[in-house]
Amino acid sequence: MLRKFIIVGLSAGVSAAIPTIYQTNPERFDAMLGQVLRRQEPDRLQVSAIPAEATRKAPTAALFGKKVRLDADERGHFIADFRLNGRPLPALVDTGATMVAINASTARRIGVTLRQEDFKYRVETANGMAKAASANIDRLQIGRIYVEDVQAVVLEDKALDGTLIGMSFLKRLAGFEVKDGALVMVQ
């Protein structure tokens, strides 16, 4: 079941290198992402669809200044209302996902402009192979916590039903912790 909710899976070595590469050279990061996404061997990126009901029931997050606590839902998932470029969207937080993932419709809604030729990466999803594009979200926010210029992957609509918040957002926080059925994020 957990496998259905993992959106982006890269090898541990690539995951560990992403923050360093991105902070020092964003262009190199995009090139590296392209190489990883094009691989057809076991290291290829795997994306799973988010069940539609998972993003429809976004509970209210407990807000404490620049700290947010999300209680797990009945299935153990952390779902909340986030703001992407100022637009409210329910999203599933996945600490196992390397990057934030959105679909093309959501990208348009939040003002991310992509051309058809930007969908140059191939990724494996629960629904089969799909095309993907690399993008940046200007501002990703939950409560009073916000991060600017967040790296994301944009998938075709048929490949992803909802929005997934991965490590490209979480690693930019001062900290986060899953404990006693809750996810606590601190900036």
N, C-alpha and C. Protein backbone atom coordinates (compact mmCIF):
# COMPACT_ATOMS: atom_id res chain seq x y z
N MET A 1 0.81 -1.19 0.00
CA MET A 1 0.00 0.00 0.00
C MET A 1 0.86 1.26 0.00
N LEU A 2 1.92 1.23 0.81
CA LEU A 2 2.81 2.38 0.87
C LEU A 2 3.39 2.67 -0.51
N ARG A 3 3.62 1.63 -1.27
CA ARG A 3 4.21 1.78 -2.60
C ARG A 3 3.38 2.69 -3.49
N LYS A 4 2.05 2.68 -3.31
CA LYS A 4 1.18 3.52 -4.13
C LYS A 4 1.36 4.99 -3.84
N PHE A 5 1.90 5.31 -2.67
CA PHE A 5 2.02 6.71 -2.29
C PHE A 5 3.42 7.28 -2.46
N ILE A 6 4.32 6.48 -2.91
CA ILE A 6 5.68 6.99 -3.13
C ILE A 6 5.71 7.58 -4.53
N ILE A 7 6.04 8.84 -4.65
CA ILE A 7 5.99 9.52 -5.93
C ILE A 7 7.34 9.59 -6.60
N VAL A 8 8.34 9.87 -5.85
CA VAL A 8 9.63 10.06 -6.48
C VAL A 8 10.65 9.25 -5.70
N GLY A 9 11.28 8.28 -6.35
CA GLY A 9 12.27 7.46 -5.66
C GLY A 9 13.58 7.48 -6.42
N LEU A 10 14.56 8.11 -5.89
CA LEU A 10 15.88 8.12 -6.49
C LEU A 10 16.84 7.37 -5.58
N SER A 11 17.90 6.93 -6.10
CA SER A 11 18.86 6.21 -5.27
C SER A 11 19.37 7.11 -4.14
N ALA A 12 19.83 6.52 -3.07
CA ALA A 12 20.28 7.27 -1.89
C ALA A 12 21.42 8.23 -2.24
N GLY A 13 22.29 7.81 -3.09
CA GLY A 13 23.41 8.68 -3.46
C GLY A 13 22.95 9.93 -4.17
N VAL A 14 22.00 9.80 -5.09
CA VAL A 14 21.47 10.96 -5.80
C VAL A 14 20.72 11.85 -4.83
N SER A 15 19.91 11.26 -3.94
CA SER A 15 19.14 12.05 -2.97
C SER A 15 20.06 12.86 -2.08
N ALA A 16 21.15 12.27 -1.64
CA ALA A 16 22.06 12.98 -0.75
C ALA A 16 22.76 14.12 -1.47
N ALA A 17 22.95 13.99 -2.76
CA ALA A 17 23.67 15.01 -3.52
C ALA A 17 22.79 16.18 -3.95
N ILE A 18 21.50 16.01 -3.98
CA ILE A 18 20.61 17.04 -4.51
C ILE A 18 20.74 18.38 -3.80
N PRO A 19 20.66 18.45 -2.46
CA PRO A 19 20.75 19.79 -1.84
C PRO A 19 22.07 20.50 -2.15
N THR A 20 23.16 19.79 -2.12
CA THR A 20 24.46 20.40 -2.37
C THR A 20 24.57 20.88 -3.80
N ILE A 21 24.19 20.04 -4.74
CA ILE A 21 24.28 20.40 -6.15
C ILE A 21 23.35 21.57 -6.44
N TYR A 22 22.12 21.51 -5.94
CA TYR A 22 21.16 22.57 -6.23
C TYR A 22 21.60 23.91 -5.66
N GLN A 23 22.09 23.91 -4.43
CA GLN A 23 22.49 25.17 -3.81
C GLN A 23 23.68 25.79 -4.51
N THR A 24 24.60 24.99 -5.01
CA THR A 24 25.80 25.54 -5.62
C THR A 24 25.65 25.80 -7.11
N ASN A 25 24.76 25.07 -7.78
CA ASN A 25 24.63 25.22 -9.22
C ASN A 25 23.28 24.69 -9.69
N PRO A 26 22.23 25.52 -9.73
CA PRO A 26 20.91 25.06 -10.15
C PRO A 26 20.88 24.47 -11.56
N GLU A 27 21.70 25.00 -12.48
CA GLU A 27 21.70 24.47 -13.84
C GLU A 27 22.22 23.03 -13.86
N ARG A 28 23.24 22.77 -13.06
CA ARG A 28 23.79 21.41 -13.00
C ARG A 28 22.77 20.45 -12.38
N PHE A 29 22.01 20.95 -11.40
CA PHE A 29 20.97 20.14 -10.78
C PHE A 29 19.95 19.71 -11.84
N ASP A 30 19.51 20.67 -12.67
CA ASP A 30 18.52 20.35 -13.70
C ASP A 30 19.09 19.33 -14.69
N ALA A 31 20.35 19.48 -15.04
CA ALA A 31 20.98 18.52 -15.95
C ALA A 31 21.06 17.14 -15.31
N MET A 32 21.42 17.10 -14.03
CA MET A 32 21.51 15.81 -13.32
C MET A 32 20.13 15.17 -13.22
N LEU A 33 19.12 15.97 -12.92
CA LEU A 33 17.76 15.45 -12.83
C LEU A 33 17.35 14.83 -14.16
N GLY A 34 17.70 15.50 -15.24
CA GLY A 34 17.38 14.97 -16.56
C GLY A 34 18.04 13.63 -16.82
N GLN A 35 19.29 13.47 -16.41
CA GLN A 35 19.98 12.20 -16.60
C GLN A 35 19.31 11.10 -15.79
N VAL A 36 18.94 11.40 -14.56
CA VAL A 36 18.31 10.38 -13.71
C VAL A 36 16.95 10.00 -14.26
N LEU A 37 16.17 11.00 -14.68
CA LEU A 37 14.82 10.71 -15.16
C LEU A 37 14.82 9.92 -16.46
N ARG A 38 15.85 10.06 -17.27
CA ARG A 38 15.89 9.35 -18.55
C ARG A 38 16.37 7.91 -18.41
N ARG A 39 16.93 7.53 -17.29
CA ARG A 39 17.43 6.16 -17.11
C ARG A 39 16.29 5.16 -17.25
N GLN A 40 16.58 4.04 -17.82
CA GLN A 40 15.58 3.00 -17.98
C GLN A 40 15.89 1.79 -17.12
N GLU A 41 16.96 1.83 -16.34
CA GLU A 41 17.38 0.72 -15.50
C GLU A 41 16.76 0.84 -14.11
N PRO A 42 17.12 -0.03 -13.16
CA PRO A 42 16.49 -0.02 -11.85
C PRO A 42 16.54 1.30 -11.10
N ASP A 43 17.47 2.19 -11.41
CA ASP A 43 17.53 3.47 -10.71
C ASP A 43 16.52 4.48 -11.22
N ARG A 44 15.67 4.07 -12.16
CA ARG A 44 14.76 5.05 -12.75
C ARG A 44 13.78 5.58 -11.72
N LEU A 45 13.31 6.77 -12.00
CA LEU A 45 12.37 7.45 -11.12
C LEU A 45 11.04 6.72 -11.15
N GLN A 46 10.45 6.48 -10.00
CA GLN A 46 9.15 5.82 -9.94
C GLN A 46 8.15 6.77 -9.34
N VAL A 47 7.00 6.85 -9.96
CA VAL A 47 5.95 7.75 -9.52
C VAL A 47 4.68 6.95 -9.40
N SER A 48 3.95 7.15 -8.32
CA SER A 48 2.69 6.46 -8.12
C SER A 48 1.57 7.48 -8.04
N ALA A 49 0.42 7.09 -8.51
CA ALA A 49 -0.74 7.97 -8.46
C ALA A 49 -1.21 8.11 -7.02
N ILE A 50 -1.73 9.27 -6.68
CA ILE A 50 -2.31 9.51 -5.37
C ILE A 50 -3.80 9.26 -5.50
N PRO A 51 -4.39 8.40 -4.67
CA PRO A 51 -5.84 8.20 -4.76
C PRO A 51 -6.56 9.53 -4.59
N ALA A 52 -7.61 9.75 -5.38
CA ALA A 52 -8.32 11.01 -5.35
C ALA A 52 -8.81 11.35 -3.95
N GLU A 53 -9.26 10.36 -3.19
CA GLU A 53 -9.78 10.65 -1.85
C GLU A 53 -8.68 11.13 -0.90
N ALA A 54 -7.44 10.85 -1.21
CA ALA A 54 -6.34 11.25 -0.32
C ALA A 54 -6.18 12.75 -0.27
N THR A 55 -6.51 13.47 -1.32
CA THR A 55 -6.33 14.92 -1.32
C THR A 55 -7.64 15.67 -1.12
N ARG A 56 -8.73 15.00 -0.95
CA ARG A 56 -10.01 15.66 -0.74
C ARG A 56 -10.29 15.97 0.72
N LYS A 57 -9.67 15.24 1.63
CA LYS A 57 -9.94 15.40 3.05
C LYS A 57 -8.75 16.04 3.74
N ALA A 58 -8.52 17.30 3.50
CA ALA A 58 -7.38 17.97 4.11
C ALA A 58 -7.77 18.51 5.47
N PRO A 59 -7.28 17.88 6.55
CA PRO A 59 -7.63 18.37 7.88
C PRO A 59 -6.92 19.69 8.18
N THR A 60 -7.42 20.40 9.15
CA THR A 60 -6.80 21.64 9.56
C THR A 60 -5.51 21.34 10.30
N ALA A 61 -4.49 22.07 9.97
CA ALA A 61 -3.19 21.89 10.63
C ALA A 61 -3.15 22.74 11.89
N ALA A 62 -2.51 22.24 12.92
CA ALA A 62 -2.29 23.02 14.13
C ALA A 62 -1.10 23.94 13.89
N LEU A 63 -1.29 25.23 14.12
CA LEU A 63 -0.27 26.22 13.83
C LEU A 63 0.30 26.80 15.11
N PHE A 64 1.62 26.86 15.22
CA PHE A 64 2.31 27.41 16.38
C PHE A 64 3.44 28.29 15.89
N GLY A 65 3.15 29.53 15.52
CA GLY A 65 4.20 30.39 14.97
C GLY A 65 4.72 29.80 13.68
N LYS A 66 6.00 29.52 13.62
CA LYS A 66 6.59 28.91 12.42
C LYS A 66 6.79 27.42 12.64
N LYS A 67 5.83 26.81 13.32
CA LYS A 67 5.80 25.38 13.54
C LYS A 67 4.40 24.90 13.17
N VAL A 68 4.33 23.81 12.42
CA VAL A 68 3.04 23.25 12.02
C VAL A 68 3.02 21.78 12.40
N ARG A 69 1.92 21.36 13.02
CA ARG A 69 1.74 19.95 13.38
C ARG A 69 0.58 19.39 12.57
N LEU A 70 0.84 18.30 11.85
CA LEU A 70 -0.20 17.62 11.08
C LEU A 70 -0.45 16.27 11.72
N ASP A 71 -1.68 16.02 12.11
CA ASP A 71 -2.04 14.70 12.62
C ASP A 71 -2.29 13.78 11.43
N ALA A 72 -1.89 12.53 11.56
CA ALA A 72 -2.12 11.55 10.50
C ALA A 72 -3.60 11.27 10.38
N ASP A 73 -4.06 11.02 9.16
CA ASP A 73 -5.45 10.63 8.98
C ASP A 73 -5.63 9.16 9.36
N GLU A 74 -6.80 8.62 9.15
CA GLU A 74 -7.08 7.24 9.56
C GLU A 74 -6.22 6.20 8.85
N ARG A 75 -5.63 6.56 7.71
CA ARG A 75 -4.73 5.65 7.00
C ARG A 75 -3.27 5.91 7.31
N GLY A 76 -3.00 6.90 8.17
CA GLY A 76 -1.62 7.21 8.53
C GLY A 76 -0.95 8.22 7.61
N HIS A 77 -1.72 8.89 6.75
CA HIS A 77 -1.16 9.87 5.82
C HIS A 77 -1.27 11.28 6.38
N PHE A 78 -0.34 12.12 5.98
CA PHE A 78 -0.32 13.52 6.39
C PHE A 78 -0.83 14.37 5.23
N ILE A 79 -2.06 14.83 5.36
CA ILE A 79 -2.70 15.60 4.30
C ILE A 79 -3.07 16.96 4.89
N ALA A 80 -2.78 18.02 4.16
CA ALA A 80 -3.09 19.37 4.65
C ALA A 80 -3.26 20.32 3.48
N ASP A 81 -3.79 21.49 3.79
CA ASP A 81 -3.90 22.55 2.79
C ASP A 81 -2.61 23.34 2.77
N PHE A 82 -1.97 23.36 1.63
CA PHE A 82 -0.77 24.14 1.38
C PHE A 82 -1.13 25.29 0.45
N ARG A 83 -0.24 26.23 0.30
CA ARG A 83 -0.39 27.30 -0.69
C ARG A 83 0.82 27.22 -1.61
N LEU A 84 0.56 27.03 -2.89
CA LEU A 84 1.62 27.00 -3.89
C LEU A 84 1.46 28.26 -4.73
N ASN A 85 2.45 29.13 -4.68
CA ASN A 85 2.38 30.42 -5.37
C ASN A 85 1.10 31.17 -5.00
N GLY A 86 0.70 31.05 -3.72
CA GLY A 86 -0.47 31.77 -3.23
C GLY A 86 -1.79 31.06 -3.42
N ARG A 87 -1.82 29.96 -4.17
CA ARG A 87 -3.06 29.23 -4.44
C ARG A 87 -3.22 28.09 -3.44
N PRO A 88 -4.36 28.00 -2.75
CA PRO A 88 -4.57 26.92 -1.79
C PRO A 88 -4.80 25.58 -2.50
N LEU A 89 -4.11 24.55 -2.02
CA LEU A 89 -4.25 23.22 -2.60
C LEU A 89 -4.08 22.17 -1.50
N PRO A 90 -4.94 21.16 -1.47
CA PRO A 90 -4.69 20.04 -0.56
C PRO A 90 -3.52 19.24 -1.10
N ALA A 91 -2.68 18.76 -0.20
CA ALA A 91 -1.50 18.00 -0.63
C ALA A 91 -1.17 16.92 0.39
N LEU A 92 -0.54 15.88 -0.09
CA LEU A 92 -0.09 14.76 0.73
C LEU A 92 1.40 14.94 0.98
N VAL A 93 1.81 14.94 2.25
CA VAL A 93 3.22 15.05 2.59
C VAL A 93 3.82 13.65 2.56
N ASP A 94 4.90 13.49 1.82
CA ASP A 94 5.56 12.18 1.69
C ASP A 94 7.04 12.36 1.96
N THR A 95 7.48 11.94 3.15
CA THR A 95 8.88 12.08 3.51
C THR A 95 9.78 11.16 2.69
N GLY A 96 9.20 10.21 1.97
CA GLY A 96 9.98 9.33 1.10
C GLY A 96 10.11 9.84 -0.31
N ALA A 97 9.45 10.94 -0.63
CA ALA A 97 9.52 11.52 -1.97
C ALA A 97 10.67 12.51 -2.04
N THR A 98 11.47 12.42 -3.07
CA THR A 98 12.61 13.30 -3.21
C THR A 98 12.20 14.74 -3.49
N MET A 99 11.16 14.91 -4.30
CA MET A 99 10.77 16.26 -4.70
C MET A 99 9.28 16.47 -4.57
N VAL A 100 8.88 17.72 -4.60
CA VAL A 100 7.47 18.08 -4.70
C VAL A 100 7.02 17.65 -6.09
N ALA A 101 5.82 17.07 -6.19
CA ALA A 101 5.29 16.64 -7.48
C ALA A 101 3.89 17.21 -7.66
N ILE A 102 3.66 17.79 -8.83
CA ILE A 102 2.34 18.33 -9.18
C ILE A 102 2.01 17.87 -10.59
N ASN A 103 0.74 17.97 -10.95
CA ASN A 103 0.38 17.63 -12.33
C ASN A 103 0.32 18.90 -13.18
N ALA A 104 0.18 18.73 -14.47
CA ALA A 104 0.23 19.87 -15.41
C ALA A 104 -0.89 20.87 -15.15
N SER A 105 -2.09 20.40 -14.82
CA SER A 105 -3.20 21.31 -14.54
C SER A 105 -2.91 22.18 -13.33
N THR A 106 -2.37 21.57 -12.29
CA THR A 106 -2.01 22.32 -11.09
C THR A 106 -0.92 23.33 -11.41
N ALA A 107 0.06 22.92 -12.21
CA ALA A 107 1.14 23.84 -12.60
C ALA A 107 0.55 25.08 -13.27
N ARG A 108 -0.37 24.90 -14.20
CA ARG A 108 -1.00 26.04 -14.87
C ARG A 108 -1.75 26.91 -13.87
N ARG A 109 -2.47 26.27 -12.95
CA ARG A 109 -3.27 26.99 -11.96
C ARG A 109 -2.41 27.85 -11.03
N ILE A 110 -1.20 27.41 -10.74
CA ILE A 110 -0.34 28.18 -9.84
C ILE A 110 0.64 29.08 -10.60
N GLY A 111 0.47 29.18 -11.90
CA GLY A 111 1.28 30.11 -12.69
C GLY A 111 2.61 29.59 -13.18
N VAL A 112 2.81 28.28 -13.18
CA VAL A 112 4.03 27.69 -13.73
C VAL A 112 3.79 27.45 -15.21
N THR A 113 4.54 28.14 -16.03
CA THR A 113 4.36 28.04 -17.48
C THR A 113 5.33 27.01 -18.04
N LEU A 114 4.76 26.02 -18.71
CA LEU A 114 5.57 24.97 -19.34
C LEU A 114 5.15 24.82 -20.79
N ARG A 115 6.11 24.49 -21.62
CA ARG A 115 5.82 24.17 -23.01
C ARG A 115 5.83 22.65 -23.17
N GLN A 116 5.24 22.17 -24.22
CA GLN A 116 5.20 20.73 -24.46
C GLN A 116 6.61 20.14 -24.49
N GLU A 117 7.57 20.87 -25.05
CA GLU A 117 8.94 20.35 -25.13
C GLU A 117 9.64 20.30 -23.76
N ASP A 118 9.08 20.94 -22.73
CA ASP A 118 9.64 20.85 -21.39
C ASP A 118 9.41 19.46 -20.77
N PHE A 119 8.44 18.74 -21.28
CA PHE A 119 8.14 17.39 -20.77
C PHE A 119 9.06 16.40 -21.47
N LYS A 120 10.35 16.53 -21.16
CA LYS A 120 11.37 15.73 -21.84
C LYS A 120 11.85 14.53 -21.04
N TYR A 121 11.40 14.41 -19.81
CA TYR A 121 11.81 13.30 -18.96
C TYR A 121 10.74 12.22 -18.97
N ARG A 122 11.18 10.97 -18.87
CA ARG A 122 10.24 9.85 -18.79
C ARG A 122 10.33 9.25 -17.39
N VAL A 123 9.17 9.08 -16.78
CA VAL A 123 9.12 8.53 -15.43
C VAL A 123 8.14 7.37 -15.41
N GLU A 124 8.36 6.46 -14.49
CA GLU A 124 7.46 5.33 -14.33
C GLU A 124 6.45 5.65 -13.24
N THR A 125 5.19 5.50 -13.55
CA THR A 125 4.12 5.75 -12.58
C THR A 125 3.34 4.48 -12.35
N ALA A 126 2.42 4.52 -11.42
CA ALA A 126 1.55 3.36 -11.19
C ALA A 126 0.70 3.08 -12.43
N ASN A 127 0.50 4.09 -13.26
CA ASN A 127 -0.28 3.94 -14.49
C ASN A 127 0.60 3.71 -15.71
N GLY A 128 1.87 3.42 -15.51
CA GLY A 128 2.78 3.20 -16.63
C GLY A 128 3.72 4.39 -16.81
N MET A 129 4.40 4.43 -17.95
CA MET A 129 5.35 5.51 -18.23
C MET A 129 4.60 6.81 -18.50
N ALA A 130 5.20 7.90 -18.07
CA ALA A 130 4.62 9.23 -18.28
C ALA A 130 5.73 10.22 -18.55
N LYS A 131 5.37 11.34 -19.14
CA LYS A 131 6.33 12.41 -19.38
C LYS A 131 6.31 13.36 -18.19
N ALA A 132 7.47 13.96 -17.92
CA ALA A 132 7.59 14.88 -16.79
C ALA A 132 8.48 16.06 -17.17
N ALA A 133 8.30 17.15 -16.45
CA ALA A 133 9.11 18.35 -16.64
C ALA A 133 9.64 18.81 -15.29
N SER A 134 10.77 19.46 -15.31
CA SER A 134 11.33 20.05 -14.11
C SER A 134 10.83 21.49 -14.01
N ALA A 135 10.51 21.94 -12.79
CA ALA A 135 10.00 23.30 -12.60
C ALA A 135 10.37 23.80 -11.21
N ASN A 136 10.20 25.07 -10.98
CA ASN A 136 10.38 25.68 -9.66
C ASN A 136 9.06 26.29 -9.24
N ILE A 137 8.72 26.11 -7.96
CA ILE A 137 7.56 26.76 -7.38
C ILE A 137 8.11 27.97 -6.62
N ASP A 138 7.63 29.15 -6.97
CA ASP A 138 8.16 30.38 -6.37
C ASP A 138 8.02 30.41 -4.85
N ARG A 139 6.86 29.97 -4.35
CA ARG A 139 6.63 30.02 -2.90
C ARG A 139 5.71 28.88 -2.51
N LEU A 140 6.15 28.05 -1.58
CA LEU A 140 5.35 26.94 -1.07
C LEU A 140 5.16 27.19 0.42
N GLN A 141 3.91 27.18 0.87
CA GLN A 141 3.60 27.61 2.23
C GLN A 141 2.58 26.69 2.89
N ILE A 142 2.75 26.49 4.20
CA ILE A 142 1.73 25.89 5.06
C ILE A 142 1.75 26.69 6.35
N GLY A 143 0.62 27.25 6.72
CA GLY A 143 0.57 28.12 7.88
C GLY A 143 1.54 29.27 7.68
N ARG A 144 2.38 29.54 8.69
CA ARG A 144 3.36 30.62 8.59
C ARG A 144 4.71 30.13 8.09
N ILE A 145 4.80 28.86 7.77
CA ILE A 145 6.03 28.29 7.21
C ILE A 145 5.99 28.47 5.69
N TYR A 146 7.04 29.02 5.14
CA TYR A 146 7.11 29.12 3.69
C TYR A 146 8.55 28.97 3.22
N VAL A 147 8.67 28.44 2.02
CA VAL A 147 9.97 28.27 1.39
C VAL A 147 9.84 28.80 -0.03
N GLU A 148 10.83 29.55 -0.46
CA GLU A 148 10.83 30.10 -1.81
C GLU A 148 11.68 29.25 -2.74
N ASP A 149 11.33 29.29 -4.02
CA ASP A 149 12.09 28.63 -5.08
C ASP A 149 12.30 27.15 -4.79
N VAL A 150 11.20 26.41 -4.75
CA VAL A 150 11.22 24.98 -4.43
C VAL A 150 11.24 24.17 -5.73
N GLN A 151 12.22 23.29 -5.85
CA GLN A 151 12.32 22.41 -7.02
C GLN A 151 11.16 21.43 -7.03
N ALA A 152 10.56 21.21 -8.21
CA ALA A 152 9.42 20.30 -8.33
C ALA A 152 9.50 19.55 -9.65
N VAL A 153 8.75 18.48 -9.71
CA VAL A 153 8.58 17.74 -10.95
C VAL A 153 7.10 17.86 -11.33
N VAL A 154 6.84 18.13 -12.61
CA VAL A 154 5.48 18.27 -13.12
C VAL A 154 5.21 17.08 -14.01
N LEU A 155 4.13 16.37 -13.70
CA LEU A 155 3.75 15.18 -14.47
C LEU A 155 2.50 15.45 -15.29
N GLU A 156 2.31 14.64 -16.30
CA GLU A 156 1.07 14.72 -17.07
C GLU A 156 -0.10 14.46 -16.13
N ASP A 157 -1.25 15.06 -16.44
CA ASP A 157 -2.43 14.91 -15.58
C ASP A 157 -2.82 13.45 -15.36
N LYS A 158 -2.72 12.63 -16.38
CA LYS A 158 -3.13 11.23 -16.25
C LYS A 158 -2.22 10.43 -15.31
N ALA A 159 -1.03 10.96 -15.05
CA ALA A 159 -0.06 10.25 -14.22
C ALA A 159 -0.16 10.60 -12.74
N LEU A 160 -0.78 11.73 -12.41
CA LEU A 160 -0.82 12.18 -11.02
C LEU A 160 -2.12 12.93 -10.77
N ASP A 161 -2.89 12.46 -9.79
CA ASP A 161 -4.18 13.08 -9.47
C ASP A 161 -4.08 14.25 -8.52
N GLY A 162 -3.09 14.27 -7.65
CA GLY A 162 -3.03 15.29 -6.61
C GLY A 162 -1.67 15.94 -6.54
N THR A 163 -1.41 16.56 -5.40
CA THR A 163 -0.14 17.24 -5.16
C THR A 163 0.58 16.51 -4.04
N LEU A 164 1.87 16.32 -4.24
CA LEU A 164 2.67 15.61 -3.25
C LEU A 164 3.82 16.51 -2.80
N ILE A 165 3.97 16.65 -1.48
CA ILE A 165 5.02 17.49 -0.91
C ILE A 165 6.17 16.58 -0.47
N GLY A 166 7.30 16.70 -1.14
CA GLY A 166 8.44 15.84 -0.86
C GLY A 166 9.59 16.59 -0.22
N MET A 167 10.75 15.96 -0.26
CA MET A 167 11.93 16.46 0.44
C MET A 167 12.49 17.77 -0.12
N SER A 168 12.20 18.11 -1.37
CA SER A 168 12.70 19.39 -1.89
C SER A 168 12.11 20.55 -1.10
N PHE A 169 10.99 20.35 -0.42
CA PHE A 169 10.43 21.33 0.51
C PHE A 169 10.91 21.05 1.93
N LEU A 170 10.74 19.82 2.39
CA LEU A 170 11.02 19.47 3.79
C LEU A 170 12.47 19.71 4.20
N LYS A 171 13.42 19.43 3.31
CA LYS A 171 14.84 19.61 3.66
C LYS A 171 15.24 21.07 3.79
N ARG A 172 14.39 21.96 3.34
CA ARG A 172 14.68 23.39 3.43
C ARG A 172 14.17 23.98 4.74
N LEU A 173 13.49 23.17 5.55
CA LEU A 173 13.01 23.61 6.85
C LEU A 173 14.12 23.47 7.89
N ALA A 174 13.92 24.09 9.04
CA ALA A 174 14.87 23.92 10.14
C ALA A 174 14.81 22.50 10.66
N GLY A 175 13.67 21.86 10.54
CA GLY A 175 13.52 20.48 10.95
C GLY A 175 12.11 19.98 10.76
N PHE A 176 11.98 18.65 10.76
CA PHE A 176 10.66 18.02 10.74
C PHE A 176 10.83 16.67 11.42
N GLU A 177 9.72 16.19 12.00
CA GLU A 177 9.78 14.95 12.75
C GLU A 177 8.41 14.27 12.71
N VAL A 178 8.44 12.95 12.56
CA VAL A 178 7.22 12.16 12.67
C VAL A 178 7.29 11.43 14.00
N LYS A 179 6.29 11.72 14.86
CA LYS A 179 6.29 11.12 16.19
C LYS A 179 4.86 11.07 16.71
N ASP A 180 4.51 9.94 17.32
CA ASP A 180 3.19 9.77 17.94
C ASP A 180 2.05 10.12 16.98
N GLY A 181 2.15 9.67 15.76
CA GLY A 181 1.06 9.86 14.79
C GLY A 181 0.93 11.26 14.26
N ALA A 182 1.97 12.08 14.37
CA ALA A 182 1.90 13.44 13.88
C ALA A 182 3.22 13.81 13.18
N LEU A 183 3.12 14.70 12.22
CA LEU A 183 4.28 15.27 11.55
C LEU A 183 4.40 16.70 12.03
N VAL A 184 5.55 17.06 12.57
CA VAL A 184 5.80 18.42 13.03
C VAL A 184 6.87 19.03 12.14
N MET A 185 6.55 20.17 11.54
CA MET A 185 7.50 20.90 10.67
C MET A 185 7.83 22.22 11.35
N VAL A 186 9.12 22.59 11.34
CA VAL A 186 9.57 23.81 12.00
C VAL A 186 10.46 24.60 11.03
N GLN A 187 10.22 25.91 11.00
CA GLN A 187 11.08 26.77 10.18
C GLN A 187 11.80 27.74 11.08
